[in-house]
């Protein structure tokens, strides 16, 4: 068996087209142009690339994009004041602070992210949005796990009644993925660094989500034949070589479907950010 490759490029294009149509409808029906503000502090090269990609996607879809560039020596108070200003801005519906922050203020990341109005929190990290996700209320959901779910739907992969196993329990992927899959009636197990007999657990998965941050950690013998494997990991093992958390070359012979790295889940994250900006407008105006 050779697995079907779930191309992030194809699914991201579908998600973006859906968002573009929603943006058009909001503009025509309600005379509102969805707006996203991205704050970048300092000159981290990787962050600059991510911000450029977000700005480009906004322009493609008709979303107003404002990139707020702040110097490396920005204080916590200055950054909080800027967030307050954007919280009050009527033409900005989504706010995102690009991480990581500079060393001088990175220990305050949680306080800084929590300053964003929950209705404008397009990253879905605010405790209020986390609580709504857990209780099943409409909320802004972290983009990467939301993208994984959207991809499974677009690929026609059944979720209800399936056994899902997530490796990794981060607030950004593992925990929200748990609640998203449960909301779709999957039976979900979350594994982590203290899980015993990990391979035995992962081999029970119809859907296996790897989000642990260790290159090629998931080997073929950890995968149930015919399982769907979603690789969220992005690990740089050489200057120009990225690999996932799954040993792709081996896993592709066991799984029924698998996401590649690069070219997989990573491409869905920005696409889902665009969807979250649209969702933020709808939540704020109750439309």
C-alpha atoms as a PDB file:
ATOM      1  CA  UNK A   1       0.000   0.000   0.000  1.00  0.00           C
ATOM      2  CA  UNK A   2       1.192   3.502  -0.820  1.00  0.00           C
ATOM      3  CA  UNK A   3      -0.602   6.302   0.990  1.00  0.00           C
ATOM      4  CA  UNK A   4      -2.528   9.084  -0.688  1.00  0.00           C
ATOM      5  CA  UNK A   5      -0.571  12.335  -0.226  1.00  0.00           C
ATOM      6  CA  UNK A   6      -2.699  15.062   1.350  1.00  0.00           C
ATOM      7  CA  UNK A   7      -1.252  18.154  -0.318  1.00  0.00           C
ATOM      8  CA  UNK A   8      -1.496  21.266   1.834  1.00  0.00           C
ATOM      9  CA  UNK A   9      -1.238  23.432  -1.278  1.00  0.00           C
ATOM     10  CA  UNK A  10      -4.460  22.076  -2.773  1.00  0.00           C
ATOM     11  CA  UNK A  11      -6.453  22.275   0.453  1.00  0.00           C
ATOM     12  CA  UNK A  12      -5.110  25.740   1.320  1.00  0.00           C
ATOM     13  CA  UNK A  13      -6.243  26.994  -2.093  1.00  0.00           C
ATOM     14  CA  UNK A  14      -9.769  25.677  -1.444  1.00  0.00           C
ATOM     15  CA  UNK A  15      -9.896  27.234   2.043  1.00  0.00           C
ATOM     16  CA  UNK A  16      -8.645  30.587   0.744  1.00  0.00           C
ATOM     17  CA  UNK A  17     -11.178  30.603  -2.084  1.00  0.00           C
ATOM     18  CA  UNK A  18     -13.949  29.957   0.437  1.00  0.00           C
ATOM     19  CA  UNK A  19     -12.644  32.855   2.568  1.00  0.00           C
ATOM     20  CA  UNK A  20     -12.412  35.144  -0.490  1.00  0.00           C
ATOM     21  CA  UNK A  21     -16.065  34.526  -1.324  1.00  0.00           C
ATOM     22  CA  UNK A  22     -17.081  35.250   2.288  1.00  0.00           C
ATOM     23  CA  UNK A  23     -15.044  38.489   2.269  1.00  0.00           C
ATOM     24  CA  UNK A  24     -16.796  39.536  -0.940  1.00  0.00           C
ATOM     25  CA  UNK A  25     -20.212  38.775   0.554  1.00  0.00           C
ATOM     26  CA  UNK A  26     -19.473  40.751   3.751  1.00  0.00           C
ATOM     27  CA  UNK A  27     -18.310  43.736   1.707  1.00  0.00           C
ATOM     28  CA  UNK A  28     -21.350  43.662  -0.582  1.00  0.00           C
ATOM     29  CA  UNK A  29     -24.030  42.938   2.034  1.00  0.00           C
ATOM     30  CA  UNK A  30     -22.766  44.875   5.041  1.00  0.00           C
ATOM     31  CA  UNK A  31     -20.235  47.365   3.586  1.00  0.00           C
ATOM     32  CA  UNK A  32     -17.546  45.997   5.935  1.00  0.00           C
ATOM     33  CA  UNK A  33     -13.982  45.300   4.824  1.00  0.00           C
ATOM     34  CA  UNK A  34     -12.450  42.692   7.147  1.00  0.00           C
ATOM     35  CA  UNK A  35      -9.183  43.978   8.629  1.00  0.00           C
ATOM     36  CA  UNK A  36      -6.184  42.176  10.147  1.00  0.00           C
ATOM     37  CA  UNK A  37      -3.365  43.805  12.109  1.00  0.00           C
ATOM     38  CA  UNK A  38      -0.147  41.826  12.616  1.00  0.00           C
ATOM     39  CA  UNK A  39       2.343  43.164  15.167  1.00  0.00           C
ATOM     40  CA  UNK A  40       5.970  42.174  14.711  1.00  0.00           C
ATOM     41  CA  UNK A  41       8.535  43.207  17.327  1.00  0.00           C
ATOM     42  CA  UNK A  42      12.200  43.107  16.328  1.00  0.00           C
ATOM     43  CA  UNK A  43      13.789  41.680  13.190  1.00  0.00           C
ATOM     44  CA  UNK A  44      13.559  37.897  13.498  1.00  0.00           C
ATOM     45  CA  UNK A  45      14.086  36.717   9.864  1.00  0.00           C
ATOM     46  CA  UNK A  46      11.687  33.759  10.115  1.00  0.00           C
ATOM     47  CA  UNK A  47       8.999  35.973  11.656  1.00  0.00           C
ATOM     48  CA  UNK A  48       9.421  38.486   8.841  1.00  0.00           C
ATOM     49  CA  UNK A  49       8.803  35.729   6.274  1.00  0.00           C
ATOM     50  CA  UNK A  50       5.658  34.579   8.113  1.00  0.00           C
ATOM     51  CA  UNK A  51       4.330  38.132   8.339  1.00  0.00           C
ATOM     52  CA  UNK A  52       4.964  38.744   4.632  1.00  0.00           C
ATOM     53  CA  UNK A  53       3.044  35.564   3.791  1.00  0.00           C
ATOM     54  CA  UNK A  54       0.089  36.677   5.926  1.00  0.00           C
ATOM     55  CA  UNK A  55       0.107  40.145   4.355  1.00  0.00           C
ATOM     56  CA  UNK A  56       0.197  38.645   0.846  1.00  0.00           C
ATOM     57  CA  UNK A  57      -2.719  36.308   1.612  1.00  0.00           C
ATOM     58  CA  UNK A  58      -4.774  39.221   2.933  1.00  0.00           C
ATOM     59  CA  UNK A  59      -4.163  41.213  -0.240  1.00  0.00           C
ATOM     60  CA  UNK A  60      -5.146  38.235  -2.405  1.00  0.00           C
ATOM     61  CA  UNK A  61      -8.457  37.796  -0.589  1.00  0.00           C
ATOM     62  CA  UNK A  62      -9.469  41.450  -0.248  1.00  0.00           C
ATOM     63  CA  UNK A  63      -8.751  41.696   3.491  1.00  0.00           C
ATOM     64  CA  UNK A  64      -7.315  44.993   4.772  1.00  0.00           C
ATOM     65  CA  UNK A  65      -3.842  44.211   6.120  1.00  0.00           C
ATOM     66  CA  UNK A  66      -1.921  46.376   8.565  1.00  0.00           C
ATOM     67  CA  UNK A  67       1.594  45.314   9.564  1.00  0.00           C
ATOM     68  CA  UNK A  68       2.728  47.083  12.741  1.00  0.00           C
ATOM     69  CA  UNK A  69       6.516  46.948  13.003  1.00  0.00           C
ATOM     70  CA  UNK A  70       7.991  47.747  16.423  1.00  0.00           C
ATOM     71  CA  UNK A  71      11.699  47.934  17.341  1.00  0.00           C
ATOM     72  CA  UNK A  72      13.617  45.219  19.202  1.00  0.00           C
ATOM     73  CA  UNK A  73      13.798  47.379  22.357  1.00  0.00           C
ATOM     74  CA  UNK A  74       9.992  47.813  22.596  1.00  0.00           C
ATOM     75  CA  UNK A  75       8.853  47.600  26.215  1.00  0.00           C
ATOM     76  CA  UNK A  76       5.965  45.489  27.447  1.00  0.00           C
ATOM     77  CA  UNK A  77       3.973  48.650  28.219  1.00  0.00           C
ATOM     78  CA  UNK A  78       4.498  50.034  24.700  1.00  0.00           C
ATOM     79  CA  UNK A  79       3.321  46.776  23.166  1.00  0.00           C
ATOM     80  CA  UNK A  80       0.271  46.595  25.456  1.00  0.00           C
ATOM     81  CA  UNK A  81      -0.612  50.181  24.521  1.00  0.00           C
ATOM     82  CA  UNK A  82      -0.410  49.298  20.823  1.00  0.00           C
ATOM     83  CA  UNK A  83      -2.728  46.303  21.389  1.00  0.00           C
ATOM     84  CA  UNK A  84      -5.189  48.560  23.248  1.00  0.00           C
ATOM     85  CA  UNK A  85      -5.137  50.958  20.303  1.00  0.00           C
ATOM     86  CA  UNK A  86      -5.906  48.135  17.852  1.00  0.00           C
ATOM     87  CA  UNK A  87      -8.589  46.717  20.155  1.00  0.00           C
ATOM     88  CA  UNK A  88     -10.351  50.073  19.842  1.00  0.00           C
ATOM     89  CA  UNK A  89      -9.859  50.417  16.069  1.00  0.00           C
ATOM     90  CA  UNK A  90     -13.170  49.955  14.246  1.00  0.00           C
ATOM     91  CA  UNK A  91     -11.538  48.897  10.957  1.00  0.00           C
ATOM     92  CA  UNK A  92      -9.422  46.140  12.563  1.00  0.00           C
ATOM     93  CA  UNK A  93     -11.280  42.886  13.243  1.00  0.00           C
ATOM     94  CA  UNK A  94      -8.333  40.573  13.906  1.00  0.00           C
ATOM     95  CA  UNK A  95      -5.112  41.124  15.865  1.00  0.00           C
ATOM     96  CA  UNK A  96      -2.093  38.846  15.877  1.00  0.00           C
ATOM     97  CA  UNK A  97       1.206  39.264  17.736  1.00  0.00           C
ATOM     98  CA  UNK A  98       3.929  37.406  15.861  1.00  0.00           C
ATOM     99  CA  UNK A  99       5.930  35.095  18.124  1.00  0.00           C
ATOM    100  CA  UNK A 100       8.609  34.710  19.357  1.00  0.00           C
ATOM    101  CA  UNK A 101       8.939  38.095  21.038  1.00  0.00           C
ATOM    102  CA  UNK A 102      12.404  39.539  21.778  1.00  0.00           C
ATOM    103  CA  UNK A 103      14.197  38.161  24.851  1.00  0.00           C
ATOM    104  CA  UNK A 104      13.521  41.259  26.961  1.00  0.00           C
ATOM    105  CA  UNK A 105       9.732  40.762  26.856  1.00  0.00           C
ATOM    106  CA  UNK A 106       9.186  37.127  25.832  1.00  0.00           C
ATOM    107  CA  UNK A 107       8.524  36.102  29.444  1.00  0.00           C
ATOM    108  CA  UNK A 108       5.453  38.346  29.266  1.00  0.00           C
ATOM    109  CA  UNK A 109       4.078  36.626  26.140  1.00  0.00           C
ATOM    110  CA  UNK A 110       1.020  35.246  27.915  1.00  0.00           C
ATOM    111  CA  UNK A 111       0.061  38.612  29.408  1.00  0.00           C
ATOM    112  CA  UNK A 112       0.588  40.297  26.045  1.00  0.00           C
ATOM    113  CA  UNK A 113      -1.525  37.780  24.097  1.00  0.00           C
ATOM    114  CA  UNK A 114      -4.263  37.922  26.727  1.00  0.00           C
ATOM    115  CA  UNK A 115      -4.525  41.703  26.222  1.00  0.00           C
ATOM    116  CA  UNK A 116      -6.060  41.112  22.774  1.00  0.00           C
ATOM    117  CA  UNK A 117      -9.850  41.427  22.710  1.00  0.00           C
ATOM    118  CA  UNK A 118     -11.095  37.787  22.562  1.00  0.00           C
ATOM    119  CA  UNK A 119     -13.338  38.698  19.617  1.00  0.00           C
ATOM    120  CA  UNK A 120     -10.243  39.889  17.710  1.00  0.00           C
ATOM    121  CA  UNK A 121      -7.988  37.027  18.842  1.00  0.00           C
ATOM    122  CA  UNK A 122      -7.548  35.340  15.443  1.00  0.00           C
ATOM    123  CA  UNK A 123      -4.844  33.030  16.844  1.00  0.00           C
ATOM    124  CA  UNK A 124      -7.446  31.568  19.217  1.00  0.00           C
ATOM    125  CA  UNK A 125      -5.085  31.637  22.212  1.00  0.00           C
ATOM    126  CA  UNK A 126      -7.093  33.814  24.625  1.00  0.00           C
ATOM    127  CA  UNK A 127      -8.394  31.875  27.685  1.00  0.00           C
ATOM    128  CA  UNK A 128     -11.934  32.948  26.816  1.00  0.00           C
ATOM    129  CA  UNK A 129     -11.657  31.371  23.357  1.00  0.00           C
ATOM    130  CA  UNK A 130     -10.037  28.275  24.837  1.00  0.00           C
ATOM    131  CA  UNK A 131     -12.940  27.957  27.279  1.00  0.00           C
ATOM    132  CA  UNK A 132     -15.479  28.325  24.487  1.00  0.00           C
ATOM    133  CA  UNK A 133     -13.721  25.637  22.461  1.00  0.00           C
ATOM    134  CA  UNK A 134     -13.825  23.265  25.439  1.00  0.00           C
ATOM    135  CA  UNK A 135     -17.534  23.895  26.035  1.00  0.00           C
ATOM    136  CA  UNK A 136     -18.464  23.761  22.361  1.00  0.00           C
ATOM    137  CA  UNK A 137     -19.472  27.416  21.972  1.00  0.00           C
ATOM    138  CA  UNK A 138     -18.732  29.393  18.778  1.00  0.00           C
ATOM    139  CA  UNK A 139     -15.198  30.770  19.107  1.00  0.00           C
ATOM    140  CA  UNK A 140     -11.980  31.620  17.317  1.00  0.00           C
ATOM    141  CA  UNK A 141      -9.941  28.399  17.237  1.00  0.00           C
ATOM    142  CA  UNK A 142      -6.132  28.029  16.816  1.00  0.00           C
ATOM    143  CA  UNK A 143      -5.378  27.971  13.099  1.00  0.00           C
ATOM    144  CA  UNK A 144      -3.202  24.852  12.826  1.00  0.00           C
ATOM    145  CA  UNK A 145      -5.560  22.303  14.440  1.00  0.00           C
ATOM    146  CA  UNK A 146      -8.551  23.981  12.752  1.00  0.00           C
ATOM    147  CA  UNK A 147      -6.700  23.557   9.448  1.00  0.00           C
ATOM    148  CA  UNK A 148      -6.094  19.866  10.150  1.00  0.00           C
ATOM    149  CA  UNK A 149      -9.818  19.311  10.706  1.00  0.00           C
ATOM    150  CA  UNK A 150     -10.743  21.289   7.602  1.00  0.00           C
ATOM    151  CA  UNK A 151      -8.277  19.218   5.558  1.00  0.00           C
ATOM    152  CA  UNK A 152      -9.776  15.936   6.780  1.00  0.00           C
ATOM    153  CA  UNK A 153     -13.227  17.201   5.775  1.00  0.00           C
ATOM    154  CA  UNK A 154     -12.101  18.376   2.341  1.00  0.00           C
ATOM    155  CA  UNK A 155     -10.342  15.038   1.765  1.00  0.00           C
ATOM    156  CA  UNK A 156     -13.568  13.208   2.599  1.00  0.00           C
ATOM    157  CA  UNK A 157     -12.042  11.402   5.570  1.00  0.00           C
ATOM    158  CA  UNK A 158     -14.602  10.152   8.088  1.00  0.00           C
ATOM    159  CA  UNK A 159     -14.063  11.407  11.658  1.00  0.00           C
ATOM    160  CA  UNK A 160     -17.200  10.321  13.512  1.00  0.00           C
ATOM    161  CA  UNK A 161     -16.750   7.066  15.401  1.00  0.00           C
ATOM    162  CA  UNK A 162     -13.040   6.838  14.565  1.00  0.00           C
ATOM    163  CA  UNK A 163     -10.257   6.283  17.075  1.00  0.00           C
ATOM    164  CA  UNK A 164      -7.937   9.305  17.002  1.00  0.00           C
ATOM    165  CA  UNK A 165      -4.567   9.535  18.743  1.00  0.00           C
ATOM    166  CA  UNK A 166      -2.674  12.807  19.186  1.00  0.00           C
ATOM    167  CA  UNK A 167       1.012  12.798  20.082  1.00  0.00           C
ATOM    168  CA  UNK A 168       1.677  16.096  21.855  1.00  0.00           C
ATOM    169  CA  UNK A 169      -0.333  18.148  24.344  1.00  0.00           C
ATOM    170  CA  UNK A 170       0.644  21.741  23.557  1.00  0.00           C
ATOM    171  CA  UNK A 171      -1.845  24.584  23.940  1.00  0.00           C
ATOM    172  CA  UNK A 172      -1.298  25.479  20.281  1.00  0.00           C
ATOM    173  CA  UNK A 173      -1.995  22.091  18.659  1.00  0.00           C
ATOM    174  CA  UNK A 174      -2.488  19.052  20.905  1.00  0.00           C
ATOM    175  CA  UNK A 175      -5.125  20.303  23.330  1.00  0.00           C
ATOM    176  CA  UNK A 176      -7.299  22.190  20.802  1.00  0.00           C
ATOM    177  CA  UNK A 177      -7.036  19.222  18.414  1.00  0.00           C
ATOM    178  CA  UNK A 178      -8.428  17.010  21.184  1.00  0.00           C
ATOM    179  CA  UNK A 179     -11.542  19.153  21.559  1.00  0.00           C
ATOM    180  CA  UNK A 180     -12.052  19.624  17.820  1.00  0.00           C
ATOM    181  CA  UNK A 181     -11.936  15.882  17.186  1.00  0.00           C
ATOM    182  CA  UNK A 182     -14.182  15.157  20.166  1.00  0.00           C
ATOM    183  CA  UNK A 183     -16.693  17.702  18.877  1.00  0.00           C
ATOM    184  CA  UNK A 184     -16.864  15.573  15.731  1.00  0.00           C
ATOM    185  CA  UNK A 185     -17.565  12.402  17.711  1.00  0.00           C
ATOM    186  CA  UNK A 186     -14.134  10.796  17.452  1.00  0.00           C
ATOM    187  CA  UNK A 187     -12.798   8.820  20.416  1.00  0.00           C
ATOM    188  CA  UNK A 188      -9.567  10.632  21.269  1.00  0.00           C
ATOM    189  CA  UNK A 189      -6.422   9.729  23.195  1.00  0.00           C
ATOM    190  CA  UNK A 190      -3.693  12.305  23.866  1.00  0.00           C
ATOM    191  CA  UNK A 191      -0.164  10.960  24.282  1.00  0.00           C
ATOM    192  CA  UNK A 192       2.887  12.809  25.594  1.00  0.00           C
ATOM    193  CA  UNK A 193       6.394  12.343  26.973  1.00  0.00           C
ATOM    194  CA  UNK A 194       5.128  10.393  29.994  1.00  0.00           C
ATOM    195  CA  UNK A 195       2.903   7.991  28.035  1.00  0.00           C
ATOM    196  CA  UNK A 196       3.836   4.356  28.579  1.00  0.00           C
ATOM    197  CA  UNK A 197       3.786   1.831  25.728  1.00  0.00           C
ATOM    198  CA  UNK A 198       3.352   4.666  23.239  1.00  0.00           C
ATOM    199  CA  UNK A 199       3.574   2.445  20.156  1.00  0.00           C
ATOM    200  CA  UNK A 200       0.758   0.242  21.416  1.00  0.00           C
ATOM    201  CA  UNK A 201      -1.487   3.293  21.756  1.00  0.00           C
ATOM    202  CA  UNK A 202      -0.588   4.831  18.383  1.00  0.00           C
ATOM    203  CA  UNK A 203      -1.175   1.522  16.577  1.00  0.00           C
ATOM    204  CA  UNK A 204      -4.838   1.725  17.623  1.00  0.00           C
ATOM    205  CA  UNK A 205      -5.357   5.029  15.789  1.00  0.00           C
ATOM    206  CA  UNK A 206      -7.498   5.357  12.685  1.00  0.00           C
ATOM    207  CA  UNK A 207      -6.351   8.998  12.648  1.00  0.00           C
ATOM    208  CA  UNK A 208      -2.881   9.733  14.029  1.00  0.00           C
ATOM    209  CA  UNK A 209      -1.857  13.354  14.631  1.00  0.00           C
ATOM    210  CA  UNK A 210       1.853  13.930  15.317  1.00  0.00           C
ATOM    211  CA  UNK A 211       2.636  17.263  17.004  1.00  0.00           C
ATOM    212  CA  UNK A 212       5.571  16.559  19.282  1.00  0.00           C
ATOM    213  CA  UNK A 213       8.411  18.536  17.680  1.00  0.00           C
ATOM    214  CA  UNK A 214      10.869  15.652  17.226  1.00  0.00           C
ATOM    215  CA  UNK A 215      12.151  14.862  13.726  1.00  0.00           C
ATOM    216  CA  UNK A 216      10.992  11.517  12.296  1.00  0.00           C
ATOM    217  CA  UNK A 217       9.814  10.431  15.755  1.00  0.00           C
ATOM    218  CA  UNK A 218       6.871   8.404  14.439  1.00  0.00           C
ATOM    219  CA  UNK A 219       8.141   5.282  12.703  1.00  0.00           C
ATOM    220  CA  UNK A 220       6.244   2.861  10.477  1.00  0.00           C
ATOM    221  CA  UNK A 221       5.817   0.286  13.252  1.00  0.00           C
ATOM    222  CA  UNK A 222       3.882   2.884  15.303  1.00  0.00           C
ATOM    223  CA  UNK A 223       1.199   3.236  12.627  1.00  0.00           C
ATOM    224  CA  UNK A 224      -1.856   1.024  12.165  1.00  0.00           C
ATOM    225  CA  UNK A 225      -2.023  -0.190   8.544  1.00  0.00           C
ATOM    226  CA  UNK A 226      -4.488   2.014   6.676  1.00  0.00           C
ATOM    227  CA  UNK A 227      -4.446   4.842   9.224  1.00  0.00           C
ATOM    228  CA  UNK A 228      -4.623   8.524   8.241  1.00  0.00           C
ATOM    229  CA  UNK A 229      -1.457  10.308   9.424  1.00  0.00           C
ATOM    230  CA  UNK A 230      -1.452  14.068   9.992  1.00  0.00           C
ATOM    231  CA  UNK A 231       2.086  15.380  10.539  1.00  0.00           C
ATOM    232  CA  UNK A 232       2.055  18.794  12.211  1.00  0.00           C
ATOM    233  CA  UNK A 233       5.790  18.857  12.973  1.00  0.00           C
ATOM    234  CA  UNK A 234       8.256  21.120  11.167  1.00  0.00           C
ATOM    235  CA  UNK A 235      11.855  20.370  12.130  1.00  0.00           C
ATOM    236  CA  UNK A 236      14.941  21.841  10.487  1.00  0.00           C
ATOM    237  CA  UNK A 237      17.657  19.157  10.338  1.00  0.00           C
ATOM    238  CA  UNK A 238      19.950  20.991   7.891  1.00  0.00           C
ATOM    239  CA  UNK A 239      20.146  24.565   6.575  1.00  0.00           C
ATOM    240  CA  UNK A 240      17.769  23.756   3.731  1.00  0.00           C
ATOM    241  CA  UNK A 241      16.086  20.540   4.878  1.00  0.00           C
ATOM    242  CA  UNK A 242      12.797  20.350   6.765  1.00  0.00           C
ATOM    243  CA  UNK A 243      11.248  17.132   8.032  1.00  0.00           C
ATOM    244  CA  UNK A 244       8.151  16.346  10.047  1.00  0.00           C
ATOM    245  CA  UNK A 245       7.574  14.401  13.225  1.00  0.00           C
ATOM    246  CA  UNK A 246       6.830  11.328  11.088  1.00  0.00           C
ATOM    247  CA  UNK A 247       9.340   9.224   9.148  1.00  0.00           C
ATOM    248  CA  UNK A 248       7.534   9.975   5.893  1.00  0.00           C
ATOM    249  CA  UNK A 249       9.337   7.546   3.572  1.00  0.00           C
ATOM    250  CA  UNK A 250       8.519   4.591   5.826  1.00  0.00           C
ATOM    251  CA  UNK A 251       5.041   5.761   6.889  1.00  0.00           C
ATOM    252  CA  UNK A 252       3.839   6.274   3.319  1.00  0.00           C
ATOM    253  CA  UNK A 253       4.006   2.493   2.839  1.00  0.00           C
ATOM    254  CA  UNK A 254       1.718   1.812   5.827  1.00  0.00           C
ATOM    255  CA  UNK A 255      -0.804   4.676   6.002  1.00  0.00           C
ATOM    256  CA  UNK A 256      -3.804   5.149   3.728  1.00  0.00           C
ATOM    257  CA  UNK A 257      -3.289   8.935   3.639  1.00  0.00           C
ATOM    258  CA  UNK A 258      -0.530  11.196   4.945  1.00  0.00           C
ATOM    259  CA  UNK A 259       0.477  14.860   4.966  1.00  0.00           C
ATOM    260  CA  UNK A 260       3.989  15.689   3.691  1.00  0.00           C
ATOM    261  CA  UNK A 261       6.505  18.064   5.306  1.00  0.00           C
ATOM    262  CA  UNK A 262       7.058  20.573   3.847  1.00  0.00           C
ATOM    263  CA  UNK A 263       3.939  21.145   1.766  1.00  0.00           C
ATOM    264  CA  UNK A 264       1.390  19.828   4.225  1.00  0.00           C
ATOM    265  CA  UNK A 265      -0.252  21.221   7.355  1.00  0.00           C
ATOM    266  CA  UNK A 266       1.969  24.326   7.453  1.00  0.00           C
ATOM    267  CA  UNK A 267       0.276  25.751   4.359  1.00  0.00           C
ATOM    268  CA  UNK A 268      -3.142  25.379   5.977  1.00  0.00           C
ATOM    269  CA  UNK A 269      -2.273  27.586   8.947  1.00  0.00           C
ATOM    270  CA  UNK A 270      -2.223  30.869   7.011  1.00  0.00           C
ATOM    271  CA  UNK A 271      -5.335  29.839   5.064  1.00  0.00           C
ATOM    272  CA  UNK A 272      -7.213  29.212   8.325  1.00  0.00           C
ATOM    273  CA  UNK A 273      -5.999  32.569   9.665  1.00  0.00           C
ATOM    274  CA  UNK A 274      -7.851  34.172   6.765  1.00  0.00           C
ATOM    275  CA  UNK A 275     -10.967  32.179   7.695  1.00  0.00           C
ATOM    276  CA  UNK A 276     -10.569  33.318  11.308  1.00  0.00           C
ATOM    277  CA  UNK A 277     -10.498  36.981  10.244  1.00  0.00           C
ATOM    278  CA  UNK A 278     -13.821  36.426   8.470  1.00  0.00           C
ATOM    279  CA  UNK A 279     -15.164  34.554  11.504  1.00  0.00           C
ATOM    280  CA  UNK A 280     -14.069  37.416  13.771  1.00  0.00           C
ATOM    281  CA  UNK A 281     -16.097  39.892  11.695  1.00  0.00           C
ATOM    282  CA  UNK A 282     -19.145  37.640  11.942  1.00  0.00           C
ATOM    283  CA  UNK A 283     -18.786  37.237  15.702  1.00  0.00           C
ATOM    284  CA  UNK A 284     -18.287  40.983  16.266  1.00  0.00           C
ATOM    285  CA  UNK A 285     -21.246  42.044  14.109  1.00  0.00           C
ATOM    286  CA  UNK A 286     -23.325  38.907  14.841  1.00  0.00           C
ATOM    287  CA  UNK A 287     -23.864  38.264  11.121  1.00  0.00           C
END
